[in-house]
């Protein structure tokens, strides 16, 4: 299971929601089965529907 906080903490170079979305896509492609939203991303460009956006990125992957 991937936790959003672990992804954010483990990649301090990620500074935008768009970059986080790419990271979440990669986690989905690398075989992670679940994504837990244990924190809300604190980026300036985080949209209101951030959970939906990240869930979609995770399940659709890089394709």
N, C-alpha and C. Protein backbone atom coordinates (compact mmCIF):
# COMPACT_ATOMS: atom_id res chain seq x y z
N UNK A 1 0.85 -1.17 0.00
CA UNK A 1 0.00 0.00 0.00
C UNK A 1 0.89 1.24 0.00
N UNK A 2 0.58 2.16 -0.85
CA UNK A 2 1.29 3.43 -0.90
C UNK A 2 0.52 4.46 -0.08
N UNK A 3 1.24 5.16 0.78
CA UNK A 3 0.63 6.25 1.52
C UNK A 3 1.10 7.55 0.90
N UNK A 4 0.17 8.46 0.73
CA UNK A 4 0.49 9.73 0.11
C UNK A 4 1.59 10.46 0.88
N UNK A 5 1.54 10.40 2.21
CA UNK A 5 2.57 11.08 3.01
C UNK A 5 3.95 10.49 2.74
N UNK A 6 4.06 9.18 2.57
CA UNK A 6 5.35 8.56 2.28
C UNK A 6 5.88 9.01 0.93
N UNK A 7 5.00 9.14 -0.04
CA UNK A 7 5.43 9.60 -1.36
C UNK A 7 5.95 11.04 -1.29
N UNK A 8 5.24 11.87 -0.55
CA UNK A 8 5.64 13.28 -0.44
C UNK A 8 6.95 13.41 0.33
N UNK A 9 7.06 12.73 1.46
CA UNK A 9 8.26 12.81 2.29
C UNK A 9 9.47 12.19 1.57
N UNK A 10 9.23 11.12 0.86
CA UNK A 10 10.31 10.43 0.17
C UNK A 10 10.83 11.14 -1.07
N UNK A 11 10.13 12.16 -1.52
CA UNK A 11 10.52 12.90 -2.72
C UNK A 11 10.45 14.40 -2.44
N UNK A 12 11.42 14.91 -1.67
CA UNK A 12 11.38 16.34 -1.30
C UNK A 12 11.55 17.28 -2.49
N UNK A 13 11.97 16.75 -3.64
CA UNK A 13 12.12 17.56 -4.83
C UNK A 13 10.78 17.90 -5.48
N UNK A 14 9.72 17.18 -5.12
CA UNK A 14 8.39 17.44 -5.66
C UNK A 14 7.85 18.71 -5.00
N UNK A 15 7.53 19.71 -5.84
CA UNK A 15 7.10 21.00 -5.29
C UNK A 15 5.78 21.50 -5.85
N UNK A 16 5.16 20.72 -6.75
CA UNK A 16 3.86 21.11 -7.30
C UNK A 16 2.92 19.91 -7.31
N UNK A 17 1.64 20.20 -7.38
CA UNK A 17 0.65 19.12 -7.46
C UNK A 17 0.82 18.33 -8.75
N UNK A 18 1.17 19.01 -9.81
CA UNK A 18 1.39 18.33 -11.10
C UNK A 18 2.52 17.30 -10.97
N UNK A 19 3.60 17.67 -10.31
CA UNK A 19 4.70 16.73 -10.10
C UNK A 19 4.26 15.57 -9.21
N UNK A 20 3.46 15.86 -8.21
CA UNK A 20 2.94 14.81 -7.33
C UNK A 20 2.06 13.85 -8.11
N UNK A 21 1.27 14.36 -9.02
CA UNK A 21 0.42 13.51 -9.85
C UNK A 21 1.26 12.54 -10.66
N UNK A 22 2.36 13.00 -11.22
CA UNK A 22 3.26 12.12 -11.97
C UNK A 22 3.86 11.05 -11.05
N UNK A 23 4.21 11.43 -9.85
CA UNK A 23 4.76 10.49 -8.87
C UNK A 23 3.73 9.42 -8.52
N UNK A 24 2.48 9.84 -8.34
CA UNK A 24 1.39 8.90 -8.03
C UNK A 24 1.15 7.97 -9.21
N UNK A 25 1.22 8.48 -10.42
CA UNK A 25 1.08 7.63 -11.61
C UNK A 25 2.15 6.54 -11.60
N UNK A 26 3.37 6.94 -11.31
CA UNK A 26 4.48 5.98 -11.28
C UNK A 26 4.26 4.92 -10.20
N UNK A 27 3.76 5.32 -9.04
CA UNK A 27 3.48 4.36 -7.96
C UNK A 27 2.45 3.33 -8.41
N UNK A 28 1.44 3.78 -9.13
CA UNK A 28 0.42 2.86 -9.63
C UNK A 28 0.98 1.89 -10.65
N UNK A 29 1.87 2.37 -11.49
CA UNK A 29 2.49 1.53 -12.51
C UNK A 29 3.49 0.55 -11.92
N UNK A 30 4.08 0.87 -10.78
CA UNK A 30 5.13 0.03 -10.21
C UNK A 30 4.60 -1.14 -9.40
N UNK A 31 3.29 -1.32 -9.40
CA UNK A 31 2.72 -2.50 -8.75
C UNK A 31 2.02 -2.25 -7.43
N UNK A 32 1.99 -1.02 -6.96
CA UNK A 32 1.25 -0.73 -5.74
C UNK A 32 -0.23 -1.01 -5.99
N UNK A 33 -0.88 -1.62 -5.03
CA UNK A 33 -2.29 -1.99 -5.21
C UNK A 33 -3.26 -0.94 -4.66
N UNK A 34 -2.86 -0.22 -3.62
CA UNK A 34 -3.74 0.74 -2.98
C UNK A 34 -3.00 2.04 -2.70
N UNK A 35 -3.74 3.12 -2.70
CA UNK A 35 -3.19 4.42 -2.35
C UNK A 35 -4.03 4.98 -1.20
N UNK A 36 -3.37 5.29 -0.10
CA UNK A 36 -4.07 5.83 1.07
C UNK A 36 -3.85 7.34 1.14
N UNK A 37 -4.94 8.08 1.23
CA UNK A 37 -4.88 9.53 1.35
C UNK A 37 -4.83 9.90 2.83
N UNK A 38 -3.64 9.82 3.41
CA UNK A 38 -3.50 10.09 4.84
C UNK A 38 -3.17 11.55 5.13
N UNK A 39 -2.87 12.32 4.11
CA UNK A 39 -2.64 13.77 4.24
C UNK A 39 -3.20 14.47 3.01
N UNK A 40 -3.45 15.75 3.15
CA UNK A 40 -3.85 16.57 2.01
C UNK A 40 -2.59 17.26 1.48
N UNK A 41 -2.33 17.16 0.18
CA UNK A 41 -1.15 17.83 -0.38
C UNK A 41 -1.21 19.34 -0.15
N UNK A 42 -0.10 19.91 0.28
CA UNK A 42 -0.06 21.33 0.62
C UNK A 42 0.72 22.12 -0.43
N UNK A 43 0.29 21.99 -1.68
CA UNK A 43 0.92 22.72 -2.77
C UNK A 43 -0.02 23.84 -3.22
N UNK A 44 0.55 24.91 -3.72
CA UNK A 44 -0.27 26.04 -4.17
C UNK A 44 -1.29 25.65 -5.24
N UNK A 45 -0.90 24.72 -6.11
CA UNK A 45 -1.76 24.36 -7.23
C UNK A 45 -2.64 23.14 -6.95
N UNK A 46 -2.79 22.74 -5.69
CA UNK A 46 -3.65 21.61 -5.36
C UNK A 46 -5.12 21.98 -5.61
N UNK A 47 -5.79 21.23 -6.50
CA UNK A 47 -7.19 21.55 -6.79
C UNK A 47 -8.13 21.05 -5.70
N UNK A 48 -9.35 21.53 -5.74
CA UNK A 48 -10.35 21.09 -4.75
C UNK A 48 -10.65 19.61 -4.86
N UNK A 49 -10.61 19.08 -6.06
CA UNK A 49 -10.91 17.66 -6.29
C UNK A 49 -9.62 16.82 -6.31
N UNK A 50 -8.66 17.16 -5.47
CA UNK A 50 -7.34 16.52 -5.48
C UNK A 50 -7.41 15.01 -5.29
N UNK A 51 -8.32 14.53 -4.46
CA UNK A 51 -8.42 13.08 -4.24
C UNK A 51 -8.84 12.36 -5.52
N UNK A 52 -9.79 12.92 -6.22
CA UNK A 52 -10.26 12.33 -7.47
C UNK A 52 -9.13 12.33 -8.51
N UNK A 53 -8.41 13.43 -8.60
CA UNK A 53 -7.32 13.54 -9.57
C UNK A 53 -6.23 12.50 -9.28
N UNK A 54 -5.85 12.37 -8.01
CA UNK A 54 -4.79 11.42 -7.66
C UNK A 54 -5.26 9.97 -7.80
N UNK A 55 -6.50 9.69 -7.46
CA UNK A 55 -7.03 8.33 -7.62
C UNK A 55 -7.05 7.94 -9.09
N UNK A 56 -7.46 8.86 -9.93
CA UNK A 56 -7.47 8.60 -11.37
C UNK A 56 -6.06 8.36 -11.89
N UNK A 57 -5.12 9.19 -11.47
CA UNK A 57 -3.73 9.02 -11.89
C UNK A 57 -3.17 7.68 -11.43
N UNK A 58 -3.49 7.29 -10.21
CA UNK A 58 -2.99 6.03 -9.64
C UNK A 58 -3.54 4.83 -10.41
N UNK A 59 -4.83 4.85 -10.71
CA UNK A 59 -5.43 3.68 -11.36
C UNK A 59 -5.15 3.62 -12.86
N UNK A 60 -5.00 4.76 -13.50
CA UNK A 60 -4.72 4.76 -14.95
C UNK A 60 -3.24 4.65 -15.26
N UNK A 61 -2.38 5.06 -14.33
CA UNK A 61 -0.94 4.94 -14.52
C UNK A 61 -0.40 5.86 -15.59
N UNK A 62 0.72 5.48 -16.15
CA UNK A 62 1.43 6.31 -17.11
C UNK A 62 0.94 6.15 -18.53
N UNK A 63 0.01 5.27 -18.76
CA UNK A 63 -0.44 5.02 -20.14
C UNK A 63 -1.34 6.09 -20.70
